[in-house]
């Protein structure tokens, strides 16, 4: 047991070999559990490995949570994105890896109080452990629902834990809230943006509590869940509002550039950042930009997502007085090929974008790109195509040399993890869901985002009802949800989990919502016979469909875990 714990420490520490700027490593593989917990420096080295749990744009070249997760109504993937599971898997890292991290958190919680350091230090490092335990349980609960709650380091004698039943998810999340409250009250209050501290704890608390509050408010017993819990919902929504308010009262400020939050090589100076994933050229890198600026077809924005962006008059597509024609314009120009100037034709949306929310122009390219109509962003690099015609430019950086843009495992732009605009969204939504929102609440939160996006402010009395509102919520909540969708487009797999917590997962059924698999209007490219279309719009589905089933609200438990522990039961429908 002791050897396995320290071996795990060593492996995880060595996996951060490229992250020398934010992890001072020691020879942890020489320690045992008996002699390791002797100094705060050792405790810090152990705790710093939790940084790897935040994958950002990808750890060691793997895909991250931005852009790559295409199971939503925002993207149609270059390979069709269906439900994560069709059948119960034999094993699952979503389950086993999470419990490894929970175990590591419990090791820290158990051992930090025994180290010779100040009480404040002990409480901080216990707070780090409890924060990471809360974060891991949040991940696994929203995937699987009821899961065993483990709050100690287990050994072979702990039969009731090792082979115990699943704990009701509501109880688990109540325990998570206790962990979050301890962390926010006891962790160091410093301004670091790459270490776990009190600001990060409050940011996690705001996210988790908003999720839990809305999940309890909107869940339905007929879909294999518990009945709505108004009391529990209000408790968590109040906590979410309070946590967001704490961060809004700190010194964080919106960055002038929306896109600058995503394509920067230095987020440390960004006043909006609370916590970010740092990368370093040729040392610790990712591949996100390579996938959106190379010959690999881009997973493009859907027609449904494109139409969610407001017009500059503050109105949605159905109600705007501005030109709503979405057909790309055919433009003839020139390009340089092999040192020679040759004719070129581009299908441009450059006249459409200025009529919309500014974030749209900072998220997708001004020219469409699809089969037999490639486009080279910035006029340099590799010709690209998109599954829907809309290229994803949000994460790209023109100032990077092409060898650091087009090559996999070469990108080194930093990834935001927690930042102020998300906090503003959380605050406004929590206030609205509690039914107590005021104009002042909107003005100090979501309307700051609208100003940056070039849009009129949102009023408590919205003043219009969008015919596209198909979620059965008030005009105000619909508009707040719209703001969240457009502000966080392609980010952190946010949209999928939002649909889960709002109990709107059926919106991913393409048979009833066909626009979630369509792309751009290419009516002005009549001679292109190779691209699949539905009417005038690119078909990004590759002739496939996705059908909703209520069982998809939960992942299936891996069958190997049920075999090991017969008290575990499978989720409904699996």
Protein backbone atom coordinates (compact mmCIF):
# COMPACT_ATOMS: atom_id res chain seq x y z
CA UNK A 1 0.00 0.00 0.00
CA UNK A 2 2.69 2.51 1.02
CA UNK A 3 4.88 1.67 -1.94
CA UNK A 4 1.99 1.98 -4.37
CA UNK A 5 1.10 5.43 -3.07
CA UNK A 6 4.61 6.76 -3.44
CA UNK A 7 5.05 5.06 -6.80
CA UNK A 8 1.96 6.91 -7.97
CA UNK A 9 3.42 10.17 -6.70
CA UNK A 10 6.63 9.51 -8.61
CA UNK A 11 4.87 8.65 -11.86
CA UNK A 12 2.66 11.71 -11.74
CA UNK A 13 5.53 13.96 -10.84
CA UNK A 14 7.68 12.65 -13.65
CA UNK A 15 4.79 13.12 -16.08
CA UNK A 16 5.22 16.83 -15.46
CA UNK A 17 8.84 16.74 -16.53
CA UNK A 18 8.07 19.42 -19.12
CA UNK A 19 6.39 21.76 -16.65
CA UNK A 20 9.49 22.97 -14.87
CA UNK A 21 8.23 26.54 -14.60
CA UNK A 22 5.50 25.61 -12.15
CA UNK A 23 6.65 22.41 -10.47
CA UNK A 24 9.85 22.12 -8.48
CA UNK A 25 10.49 18.42 -8.48
CA UNK A 26 12.30 16.39 -5.89
CA UNK A 27 13.41 12.74 -6.04
CA UNK A 28 9.99 11.55 -4.87
CA UNK A 29 10.63 8.02 -6.08
CA UNK A 30 13.09 7.60 -3.21
CA UNK A 31 10.45 8.24 -0.56
CA UNK A 32 8.09 5.95 1.29
CA UNK A 33 4.86 7.01 2.93
CA UNK A 34 6.62 6.92 6.31
CA UNK A 35 9.35 9.46 5.50
CA UNK A 36 7.72 11.60 2.81
CA UNK A 37 5.41 13.73 4.96
CA UNK A 38 8.15 15.68 6.73
CA UNK A 39 8.10 19.19 5.26
CA UNK A 40 5.79 21.68 3.59
CA UNK A 41 8.04 21.56 0.51
CA UNK A 42 7.27 17.86 0.09
CA UNK A 43 3.57 18.50 0.59
CA UNK A 44 3.68 21.25 -2.02
CA UNK A 45 5.45 18.98 -4.50
CA UNK A 46 2.78 16.34 -4.00
CA UNK A 47 -0.08 18.84 -4.34
CA UNK A 48 1.37 20.52 -7.44
CA UNK A 49 0.78 17.37 -9.48
CA UNK A 50 -2.96 18.11 -9.31
CA UNK A 51 -2.24 20.77 -11.95
CA UNK A 52 -2.22 17.92 -14.47
CA UNK A 53 -5.92 17.29 -13.77
CA UNK A 54 -6.70 20.48 -15.70
CA UNK A 55 -6.01 19.37 -19.24
CA UNK A 56 -6.59 22.77 -20.90
CA UNK A 57 -5.78 22.43 -24.59
CA UNK A 58 -4.30 18.99 -23.98
CA UNK A 59 -1.62 17.38 -21.82
CA UNK A 60 1.44 15.98 -23.60
CA UNK A 61 -0.19 16.37 -27.00
CA UNK A 62 -3.53 14.77 -26.09
CA UNK A 63 -6.78 16.49 -26.98
CA UNK A 64 -8.18 18.89 -24.42
CA UNK A 65 -11.63 20.09 -23.48
CA UNK A 66 -11.76 22.99 -25.95
CA UNK A 67 -12.99 22.47 -29.53
CA UNK A 68 -12.34 18.71 -29.62
CA UNK A 69 -15.51 17.67 -27.74
CA UNK A 70 -18.05 17.89 -30.56
CA UNK A 71 -21.05 16.16 -28.94
CA UNK A 72 -23.23 19.26 -28.82
CA UNK A 73 -25.45 21.41 -31.01
CA UNK A 74 -22.54 23.83 -31.56
CA UNK A 75 -20.35 21.66 -33.79
CA UNK A 76 -20.68 19.04 -36.47
CA UNK A 77 -17.56 16.93 -36.31
CA UNK A 78 -15.38 15.93 -39.24
CA UNK A 79 -16.15 12.43 -37.97
CA UNK A 80 -19.70 12.09 -36.72
CA UNK A 81 -20.11 12.71 -32.98
CA UNK A 82 -22.66 10.32 -31.54
CA UNK A 83 -23.42 9.56 -27.91
CA UNK A 84 -20.35 8.71 -25.88
CA UNK A 85 -21.63 5.19 -25.24
CA UNK A 86 -23.88 2.82 -27.15
CA UNK A 87 -23.37 -0.03 -24.70
CA UNK A 88 -21.89 -0.42 -21.23
CA UNK A 89 -18.07 -0.56 -21.59
CA UNK A 90 -15.95 -3.28 -20.04
CA UNK A 91 -13.82 -0.61 -18.35
CA UNK A 92 -13.73 3.16 -18.21
CA UNK A 93 -11.05 5.68 -17.30
CA UNK A 94 -13.86 8.13 -16.49
CA UNK A 95 -14.52 5.91 -13.47
CA UNK A 96 -11.15 4.39 -12.54
CA UNK A 97 -8.97 7.45 -13.17
CA UNK A 98 -11.31 9.64 -11.17
CA UNK A 99 -11.08 7.35 -8.16
CA UNK A 100 -7.30 7.38 -8.45
CA UNK A 101 -7.42 11.16 -8.15
CA UNK A 102 -9.88 10.95 -5.25
CA UNK A 103 -7.46 8.60 -3.55
CA UNK A 104 -4.60 11.05 -4.09
CA UNK A 105 -6.70 13.83 -2.60
CA UNK A 106 -7.53 11.69 0.43
CA UNK A 107 -3.83 10.92 0.90
CA UNK A 108 -3.13 14.65 1.10
CA UNK A 109 -6.05 15.31 3.44
CA UNK A 110 -4.97 12.50 5.76
CA UNK A 111 -1.25 13.31 5.90
CA UNK A 112 -0.97 17.11 5.74
CA UNK A 113 -2.08 17.62 9.39
CA UNK A 114 0.84 15.45 10.56
CA UNK A 115 3.54 17.52 8.86
CA UNK A 116 5.66 19.95 10.86
CA UNK A 117 4.28 23.25 9.55
CA UNK A 118 2.01 26.05 10.73
CA UNK A 119 -1.70 25.52 11.31
CA UNK A 120 -2.43 27.89 8.42
CA UNK A 121 -0.26 25.75 6.15
CA UNK A 122 -1.91 22.55 7.33
CA UNK A 123 -5.36 24.00 6.66
CA UNK A 124 -4.30 25.25 3.25
CA UNK A 125 -3.00 21.88 2.07
CA UNK A 126 -5.97 20.03 3.53
CA UNK A 127 -8.05 22.61 1.66
CA UNK A 128 -6.24 21.76 -1.57
CA UNK A 129 -6.99 18.08 -1.00
CA UNK A 130 -10.65 18.74 -0.24
CA UNK A 131 -10.95 21.07 -3.23
CA UNK A 132 -9.57 18.43 -5.59
CA UNK A 133 -11.73 15.74 -4.01
CA UNK A 134 -14.74 17.99 -4.61
CA UNK A 135 -13.67 18.63 -8.21
CA UNK A 136 -13.29 14.93 -8.97
CA UNK A 137 -16.62 14.01 -7.39
CA UNK A 138 -18.31 16.75 -9.39
CA UNK A 139 -16.91 15.19 -12.58
CA UNK A 140 -17.92 11.64 -11.77
CA UNK A 141 -21.35 12.48 -10.33
CA UNK A 142 -22.46 14.40 -13.40
CA UNK A 143 -21.36 11.43 -15.52
CA UNK A 144 -22.64 8.47 -13.49
CA UNK A 145 -25.08 9.86 -10.91
CA UNK A 146 -24.93 7.80 -7.70
CA UNK A 147 -21.33 6.81 -6.90
CA UNK A 148 -19.59 5.43 -3.80
CA UNK A 149 -18.43 8.22 -1.49
CA UNK A 150 -14.90 7.59 -0.21
CA UNK A 151 -13.42 10.11 2.23
CA UNK A 152 -10.44 8.15 3.53
CA UNK A 153 -7.38 6.30 2.27
CA UNK A 154 -8.54 2.72 1.86
CA UNK A 155 -6.74 -0.49 2.67
CA UNK A 156 -7.76 -4.12 2.39
CA UNK A 157 -9.55 -3.95 5.74
CA UNK A 158 -12.05 -1.36 4.49
CA UNK A 159 -14.47 -3.87 3.03
CA UNK A 160 -17.51 -1.64 3.49
CA UNK A 161 -15.88 0.99 1.28
CA UNK A 162 -14.20 -1.31 -1.22
CA UNK A 163 -17.35 -3.30 -1.86
CA UNK A 164 -20.02 -0.88 -0.74
CA UNK A 165 -23.09 0.35 -2.63
CA UNK A 166 -23.46 3.56 -4.59
CA UNK A 167 -24.20 6.67 -2.52
CA UNK A 168 -27.13 8.84 -3.55
CA UNK A 169 -25.77 11.61 -5.77
CA UNK A 170 -27.49 14.31 -3.70
CA UNK A 171 -25.66 13.16 -0.58
CA UNK A 172 -22.38 13.09 -2.47
CA UNK A 173 -22.92 16.64 -3.72
CA UNK A 174 -23.83 17.83 -0.21
CA UNK A 175 -20.46 16.42 0.87
CA UNK A 176 -18.83 18.19 -2.07
CA UNK A 177 -20.27 21.48 -0.86
CA UNK A 178 -18.75 20.89 2.57
CA UNK A 179 -15.36 20.32 0.93
CA UNK A 180 -15.74 23.49 -1.14
CA UNK A 181 -16.67 25.56 1.89
CA UNK A 182 -13.62 24.34 3.78
CA UNK A 183 -11.36 25.10 0.82
CA UNK A 184 -12.70 28.62 0.27
CA UNK A 185 -12.23 29.49 3.95
CA UNK A 186 -8.79 27.95 4.46
CA UNK A 187 -6.72 28.04 1.28
CA UNK A 188 -4.03 30.66 0.81
CA UNK A 189 -5.41 33.94 -0.54
CA UNK A 190 -2.75 34.86 -3.11
CA UNK A 191 -2.82 36.16 -6.68
CA UNK A 192 -1.07 33.29 -8.47
CA UNK A 193 -2.88 32.21 -11.63
CA UNK A 194 -1.15 28.84 -12.01
CA UNK A 195 -1.45 27.44 -8.47
CA UNK A 196 -4.46 26.34 -6.47
CA UNK A 197 -5.53 29.11 -4.10
CA UNK A 198 -8.61 30.72 -2.61
CA UNK A 199 -9.66 32.40 -5.86
CA UNK A 200 -9.58 29.07 -7.68
CA UNK A 201 -11.60 27.49 -4.87
CA UNK A 202 -14.31 30.14 -5.24
CA UNK A 203 -14.28 29.72 -9.03
CA UNK A 204 -14.76 25.97 -8.66
CA UNK A 205 -17.48 26.53 -6.10
CA UNK A 206 -19.38 28.89 -8.42
CA UNK A 207 -19.25 26.37 -11.28
CA UNK A 208 -20.16 23.32 -9.23
CA UNK A 209 -22.95 24.99 -7.28
CA UNK A 210 -24.55 26.48 -10.40
CA UNK A 211 -24.51 23.06 -12.02
CA UNK A 212 -25.99 21.35 -8.98
CA UNK A 213 -28.60 24.03 -8.32
CA UNK A 214 -29.99 23.97 -11.84
CA UNK A 215 -29.71 20.20 -12.09
CA UNK A 216 -31.89 19.74 -9.00
CA UNK A 217 -34.34 22.37 -10.20
CA UNK A 218 -34.97 20.92 -13.66
CA UNK A 219 -34.52 17.16 -13.31
CA UNK A 220 -37.45 14.84 -14.00
CA UNK A 221 -38.29 11.60 -12.26
CA UNK A 222 -39.77 10.14 -15.44
CA UNK A 223 -36.34 10.27 -17.05
CA UNK A 224 -34.69 7.99 -14.52
CA UNK A 225 -33.80 10.75 -12.08
CA UNK A 226 -35.08 11.96 -8.73
CA UNK A 227 -37.91 14.46 -8.57
CA UNK A 228 -37.01 18.16 -8.58
CA UNK A 229 -35.65 19.44 -5.28
CA UNK A 230 -36.55 23.12 -4.90
CA UNK A 231 -34.98 23.44 -1.46
CA UNK A 232 -31.70 21.86 -2.53
CA UNK A 233 -31.72 23.85 -5.77
CA UNK A 234 -32.08 27.15 -3.94
CA UNK A 235 -29.33 26.20 -1.50
CA UNK A 236 -26.81 25.52 -4.26
CA UNK A 237 -27.90 28.49 -6.40
CA UNK A 238 -27.47 30.79 -3.42
CA UNK A 239 -23.99 29.37 -2.86
CA UNK A 240 -23.18 29.86 -6.56
CA UNK A 241 -24.29 33.48 -6.44
CA UNK A 242 -22.24 34.11 -3.29
CA UNK A 243 -19.10 32.50 -4.73
CA UNK A 244 -19.37 34.45 -7.99
CA UNK A 245 -19.98 37.67 -6.06
CA UNK A 246 -16.80 37.10 -4.06
CA UNK A 247 -14.72 36.95 -7.25
CA UNK A 248 -16.52 39.92 -8.80
CA UNK A 249 -15.46 41.99 -5.80
CA UNK A 250 -11.80 41.11 -6.32
CA UNK A 251 -9.44 42.95 -8.67
CA UNK A 252 -10.17 40.91 -11.81
CA UNK A 253 -11.24 42.89 -14.89
CA UNK A 254 -12.43 41.94 -18.36
CA UNK A 255 -9.75 41.70 -21.00
CA UNK A 256 -10.28 44.14 -23.87
CA UNK A 257 -10.04 41.32 -26.40
CA UNK A 258 -12.47 38.40 -26.26
CA UNK A 259 -10.23 36.29 -28.51
CA UNK A 260 -7.21 37.27 -26.45
CA UNK A 261 -8.43 34.94 -23.71
CA UNK A 262 -7.86 31.97 -26.03
CA UNK A 263 -4.89 32.62 -28.31
CA UNK A 264 -2.34 34.24 -26.02
CA UNK A 265 1.16 33.00 -25.24
CA UNK A 266 1.02 34.86 -21.92
CA UNK A 267 -2.17 34.78 -19.87
CA UNK A 268 -0.32 35.80 -16.74
CA UNK A 269 -0.83 39.49 -17.56
CA UNK A 270 -4.47 39.01 -18.56
CA UNK A 271 -6.59 40.74 -15.90
CA UNK A 272 -9.52 38.42 -16.60
CA UNK A 273 -7.70 35.21 -15.73
CA UNK A 274 -8.25 33.46 -12.40
CA UNK A 275 -6.48 30.20 -13.29
CA UNK A 276 -4.94 29.03 -16.54
CA UNK A 277 -2.92 26.21 -18.06
CA UNK A 278 0.56 27.37 -19.01
CA UNK A 279 2.42 25.96 -22.02
CA UNK A 280 5.99 26.62 -23.11
CA UNK A 281 7.50 26.60 -26.57
CA UNK A 282 9.25 23.29 -27.42
CA UNK A 283 8.87 22.10 -23.81
CA UNK A 284 5.22 21.69 -22.88
CA UNK A 285 2.91 21.96 -25.88
CA UNK A 286 -0.48 21.10 -27.34
CA UNK A 287 -2.02 20.54 -30.77
CA UNK A 288 -5.22 22.59 -30.79
CA UNK A 289 -4.13 25.20 -33.32
CA UNK A 290 -2.71 22.52 -35.61
CA UNK A 291 -6.15 20.95 -35.87
CA UNK A 292 -7.87 24.22 -36.79
CA UNK A 293 -5.24 25.47 -39.26
CA UNK A 294 -4.08 22.39 -41.13
CA UNK A 295 -5.25 20.00 -43.84
CA UNK A 296 -7.18 17.94 -41.28
CA UNK A 297 -10.81 18.91 -41.79
CA UNK A 298 -12.07 21.24 -39.06
CA UNK A 299 -15.09 20.34 -36.94
CA UNK A 300 -17.11 23.38 -37.91
CA UNK A 301 -19.78 25.54 -36.30
CA UNK A 302 -23.36 24.47 -36.93
CA UNK A 303 -26.17 26.48 -38.48
CA UNK A 304 -27.95 26.26 -35.12
CA UNK A 305 -25.00 27.81 -33.29
CA UNK A 306 -24.45 30.47 -35.96
CA UNK A 307 -28.06 31.55 -35.64
CA UNK A 308 -27.81 31.82 -31.84
CA UNK A 309 -25.70 34.99 -32.14
CA UNK A 310 -27.71 38.20 -31.78
CA UNK A 311 -27.69 40.99 -34.34
CA UNK A 312 -26.20 44.34 -33.40
CA UNK A 313 -29.69 45.72 -32.71
CA UNK A 314 -29.85 43.24 -29.82
CA UNK A 315 -32.48 41.10 -31.52
CA UNK A 316 -32.40 37.44 -32.55
CA UNK A 317 -32.72 36.16 -36.10
CA UNK A 318 -36.53 36.00 -36.08
CA UNK A 319 -37.00 39.56 -34.82
CA UNK A 320 -34.13 41.68 -36.16
CA UNK A 321 -34.74 44.58 -38.50
CA UNK A 322 -31.28 44.11 -40.01
CA UNK A 323 -30.38 42.08 -43.09
CA UNK A 324 -30.67 38.43 -42.05
CA UNK A 325 -29.50 36.89 -45.32
CA UNK A 326 -26.90 34.23 -44.37
CA UNK A 327 -25.74 33.33 -47.90
CA UNK A 328 -21.98 33.73 -48.32
CA UNK A 329 -20.99 36.17 -51.07
CA UNK A 330 -18.94 34.92 -54.01
CA UNK A 331 -15.85 37.13 -54.43
CA UNK A 332 -13.17 36.93 -57.11
CA UNK A 333 -9.62 37.90 -56.32
CA UNK A 334 -6.11 36.53 -56.53
CA UNK A 335 -3.74 34.42 -54.48
CA UNK A 336 -0.08 33.50 -54.67
CA UNK A 337 0.74 29.90 -55.63
CA UNK A 338 4.36 28.91 -56.18
CA UNK A 339 5.41 32.54 -56.32
CA UNK A 340 2.83 33.35 -59.03
CA UNK A 341 -0.35 35.40 -58.78
CA UNK A 342 -3.33 33.30 -59.87
CA UNK A 343 -7.10 33.93 -59.88
CA UNK A 344 -9.01 32.89 -56.77
CA UNK A 345 -12.64 32.72 -55.75
CA UNK A 346 -13.74 32.99 -52.15
CA UNK A 347 -17.14 32.51 -50.55
CA UNK A 348 -17.08 35.31 -48.01
CA UNK A 349 -19.23 36.14 -44.97
CA UNK A 350 -17.32 39.38 -44.34
CA UNK A 351 -20.48 41.43 -44.95
CA UNK A 352 -22.56 39.26 -42.64
CA UNK A 353 -20.30 39.29 -39.59
CA UNK A 354 -20.40 43.07 -38.87
CA UNK A 355 -24.17 42.78 -38.34
CA UNK A 356 -23.71 40.26 -35.55
CA UNK A 357 -22.35 39.97 -32.04
CA UNK A 358 -18.61 40.75 -32.30
CA UNK A 359 -17.73 37.38 -30.77
CA UNK A 360 -18.88 35.61 -33.92
CA UNK A 361 -16.18 37.32 -36.03
CA UNK A 362 -13.59 36.38 -33.40
CA UNK A 363 -14.69 32.75 -33.43
CA UNK A 364 -14.99 31.77 -37.10
CA UNK A 365 -13.23 32.71 -40.34
CA UNK A 366 -14.48 35.37 -42.75
CA UNK A 367 -14.32 32.93 -45.65
CA UNK A 368 -16.07 29.57 -45.89
CA UNK A 369 -13.94 26.47 -46.41
CA UNK A 370 -15.20 23.03 -47.39
CA UNK A 371 -14.67 20.23 -49.90
CA UNK A 372 -13.08 21.57 -53.10
CA UNK A 373 -13.01 25.08 -51.66
CA UNK A 374 -10.04 25.34 -49.34
CA UNK A 375 -9.11 28.48 -47.44
CA UNK A 376 -5.74 29.55 -46.02
CA UNK A 377 -6.14 31.58 -42.85
CA UNK A 378 -3.94 34.71 -42.67
CA UNK A 379 -2.90 33.95 -46.26
CA UNK A 380 -0.13 31.66 -45.04
CA UNK A 381 0.16 28.05 -43.99
CA UNK A 382 -1.99 25.15 -45.09
CA UNK A 383 -5.31 25.20 -46.94
CA UNK A 384 -8.17 24.18 -44.65
CA UNK A 385 -11.65 22.75 -44.99
CA UNK A 386 -14.49 22.55 -42.48
CA UNK A 387 -17.23 19.98 -42.03
CA UNK A 388 -19.82 22.79 -42.07
CA UNK A 389 -18.02 25.48 -44.06
CA UNK A 390 -17.44 27.61 -40.97
CA UNK A 391 -13.78 27.49 -39.94
CA UNK A 392 -12.83 27.80 -36.27
CA UNK A 393 -10.37 30.68 -35.86
CA UNK A 394 -10.97 31.47 -32.18
CA UNK A 395 -7.82 29.77 -30.86
CA UNK A 396 -5.42 30.68 -33.66
CA UNK A 397 -2.68 33.31 -33.36
CA UNK A 398 -1.40 35.13 -36.44
CA UNK A 399 1.85 36.12 -34.75
CA UNK A 400 3.00 32.50 -34.38
CA UNK A 401 5.36 31.11 -36.98
CA UNK A 402 3.70 28.42 -39.11
CA UNK A 403 5.95 25.74 -37.64
CA UNK A 404 4.24 26.42 -34.32
CA UNK A 405 0.74 26.72 -35.83
CA UNK A 406 0.47 23.87 -38.33
CA UNK A 407 2.46 21.20 -36.53
CA UNK A 408 0.96 18.86 -33.95
CA UNK A 409 2.65 18.91 -30.55
CA UNK A 410 4.07 22.36 -31.28
CA UNK A 411 1.43 24.86 -30.13
CA UNK A 412 2.19 26.76 -26.94
CA UNK A 413 -0.65 29.24 -26.44
CA UNK A 414 -2.04 29.24 -22.89
CA UNK A 415 -5.46 27.80 -22.02
CA UNK A 416 -7.96 29.53 -19.71
CA UNK A 417 -9.39 27.32 -16.97
CA UNK A 418 -11.33 29.77 -14.79
CA UNK A 419 -11.85 33.38 -15.83
CA UNK A 420 -14.04 36.38 -15.06
CA UNK A 421 -16.49 36.29 -17.96
CA UNK A 422 -17.59 32.82 -16.85
CA UNK A 423 -18.11 34.17 -13.33
CA UNK A 424 -20.33 36.95 -14.71
CA UNK A 425 -22.42 34.35 -16.53
CA UNK A 426 -22.70 32.22 -13.40
CA UNK A 427 -23.75 35.16 -11.27
CA UNK A 428 -26.47 36.32 -13.68
CA UNK A 429 -27.85 32.82 -14.16
CA UNK A 430 -27.92 32.05 -10.44
CA UNK A 431 -29.73 35.31 -9.73
CA UNK A 432 -32.27 34.63 -12.47
CA UNK A 433 -32.89 31.04 -11.40
CA UNK A 434 -33.43 32.23 -7.81
CA UNK A 435 -36.07 34.63 -9.11
CA UNK A 436 -34.46 37.64 -7.44
CA UNK A 437 -32.48 39.21 -10.27
CA UNK A 438 -32.38 42.99 -10.61
CA UNK A 439 -31.21 45.33 -13.34
CA UNK A 440 -28.19 46.10 -11.18
CA UNK A 441 -27.32 42.39 -11.16
CA UNK A 442 -27.36 42.32 -14.96
CA UNK A 443 -25.41 45.56 -15.31
CA UNK A 444 -22.55 44.40 -13.11
CA UNK A 445 -22.28 41.01 -14.76
CA UNK A 446 -23.65 39.91 -18.10
CA UNK A 447 -24.07 43.40 -19.56
CA UNK A 448 -20.32 43.95 -19.30
CA UNK A 449 -19.92 41.00 -21.68
CA UNK A 450 -22.52 42.47 -24.01
CA UNK A 451 -20.67 45.79 -24.11
CA UNK A 452 -17.49 43.96 -25.14
CA UNK A 453 -19.50 42.12 -27.78
CA UNK A 454 -20.93 45.36 -29.22
CA UNK A 455 -24.50 44.57 -28.16
CA UNK A 456 -27.15 46.61 -26.34
CA UNK A 457 -27.61 45.76 -22.64
CA UNK A 458 -30.05 43.09 -21.51
CA UNK A 459 -32.97 44.35 -19.44
CA UNK A 460 -34.80 42.44 -16.72
CA UNK A 461 -37.90 43.00 -18.82
CA UNK A 462 -36.39 41.69 -22.03
CA UNK A 463 -38.85 43.44 -24.31
CA UNK A 464 -39.20 40.62 -26.82
CA UNK A 465 -39.85 36.89 -26.93
CA UNK A 466 -37.60 34.89 -29.22
CA UNK A 467 -39.65 32.34 -31.20
CA UNK A 468 -36.61 30.04 -31.04
CA UNK A 469 -37.05 29.60 -27.27
CA UNK A 470 -37.82 25.89 -27.11
CA UNK A 471 -36.72 25.27 -23.51
CA UNK A 472 -39.88 26.36 -21.70
CA UNK A 473 -38.10 29.08 -19.71
CA UNK A 474 -38.69 32.81 -19.31
CA UNK A 475 -37.46 35.29 -21.90
CA UNK A 476 -34.80 36.47 -19.45
CA UNK A 477 -33.41 33.02 -18.66
CA UNK A 478 -33.43 32.18 -22.38
CA UNK A 479 -31.34 35.26 -23.13
CA UNK A 480 -28.92 34.51 -20.27
CA UNK A 481 -28.52 30.99 -21.63
CA UNK A 482 -27.91 32.43 -25.10
CA UNK A 483 -25.21 34.68 -23.67
CA UNK A 484 -23.53 31.69 -22.05
CA UNK A 485 -23.62 29.74 -25.28
CA UNK A 486 -22.09 32.46 -27.44
CA UNK A 487 -19.51 33.60 -24.86
CA UNK A 488 -18.29 30.03 -24.29
CA UNK A 489 -18.63 28.68 -27.82
CA UNK A 490 -16.51 25.47 -28.17
CA UNK A 491 -15.16 25.87 -24.61
CA UNK A 492 -14.56 23.18 -22.01
CA UNK A 493 -17.33 20.93 -23.31
CA UNK A 494 -19.61 23.47 -21.59
CA UNK A 495 -22.60 23.19 -23.90
CA UNK A 496 -23.08 19.44 -23.41
CA UNK A 497 -23.15 19.69 -19.63
CA UNK A 498 -25.38 22.76 -19.78
CA UNK A 499 -27.96 20.74 -21.70
CA UNK A 500 -27.69 18.02 -19.06
CA UNK A 501 -28.24 20.35 -16.09
CA UNK A 502 -31.07 22.23 -17.81
CA UNK A 503 -32.62 18.88 -18.68
CA UNK A 504 -32.54 19.71 -22.40
CA UNK A 505 -30.46 16.81 -23.70
CA UNK A 506 -33.14 16.04 -26.30
CA UNK A 507 -31.86 19.12 -28.18
CA UNK A 508 -29.04 16.88 -29.43
CA UNK A 509 -31.52 14.70 -31.32
CA UNK A 510 -30.85 15.54 -34.96
CA UNK A 511 -34.09 13.98 -36.17
CA UNK A 512 -36.08 16.69 -34.38
CA UNK A 513 -33.41 19.42 -34.51
CA UNK A 514 -31.85 19.07 -37.98
CA UNK A 515 -30.04 22.43 -37.86
CA UNK A 516 -27.57 21.03 -35.32
CA UNK A 517 -25.89 19.05 -38.11
CA UNK A 518 -26.13 21.61 -40.90
CA UNK A 519 -23.63 24.31 -41.77
CA UNK A 520 -23.24 27.36 -43.98
CA UNK A 521 -25.45 28.61 -46.79
CA UNK A 522 -23.55 28.00 -50.04
CA UNK A 523 -26.27 28.86 -52.53
CA UNK A 524 -23.73 31.07 -54.32
CA UNK A 525 -21.51 28.11 -55.11
CA UNK A 526 -23.85 26.29 -57.53
CA UNK A 527 -21.14 24.42 -59.45
CA UNK A 528 -19.71 22.52 -56.47
CA UNK A 529 -21.26 19.06 -56.75
CA UNK A 530 -18.95 17.27 -54.30
CA UNK A 531 -20.16 18.76 -51.02
CA UNK A 532 -23.26 17.24 -49.40
CA UNK A 533 -26.11 19.69 -48.93
CA UNK A 534 -29.60 19.91 -47.49
CA UNK A 535 -31.23 22.62 -49.54
CA UNK A 536 -28.67 25.43 -49.68
CA UNK A 537 -26.87 24.38 -46.49
CA UNK A 538 -23.84 22.15 -46.09
CA UNK A 539 -24.69 18.81 -44.50
CA UNK A 540 -22.09 18.32 -41.75
CA UNK A 541 -23.52 15.00 -40.58
CA UNK A 542 -22.10 12.81 -43.34
CA UNK A 543 -25.61 11.36 -43.78
CA UNK A 544 -25.82 10.20 -40.16
CA UNK A 545 -28.30 10.99 -37.42
CA UNK A 546 -28.30 11.11 -33.63
CA UNK A 547 -31.38 9.99 -31.71
CA UNK A 548 -31.99 10.96 -28.11
CA UNK A 549 -32.76 8.41 -25.40
CA UNK A 550 -33.35 9.37 -21.76
CA UNK A 551 -30.69 6.86 -20.67
CA UNK A 552 -28.06 9.24 -22.04
CA UNK A 553 -28.44 11.50 -19.02
CA UNK A 554 -26.10 9.01 -17.30
CA UNK A 555 -23.02 7.18 -18.47
CA UNK A 556 -23.19 3.40 -18.04
CA UNK A 557 -21.10 1.95 -15.22
CA UNK A 558 -18.19 -0.12 -16.56
CA UNK A 559 -18.99 -3.80 -16.24
CA UNK A 560 -15.62 -4.67 -14.67
CA UNK A 561 -16.50 -2.52 -11.66
CA UNK A 562 -19.84 -4.29 -11.24
CA UNK A 563 -18.04 -7.63 -11.42
CA UNK A 564 -15.59 -6.52 -8.73
CA UNK A 565 -18.34 -5.12 -6.53
CA UNK A 566 -21.74 -6.80 -6.94
CA UNK A 567 -23.37 -4.10 -4.79
CA UNK A 568 -22.92 -1.63 -7.64
CA UNK A 569 -26.00 -1.43 -9.84
CA UNK A 570 -26.17 -0.36 -13.47
CA UNK A 571 -27.78 2.92 -14.52
CA UNK A 572 -31.32 2.80 -15.98
CA UNK A 573 -31.53 1.77 -19.61
CA UNK A 574 -28.01 0.33 -19.78
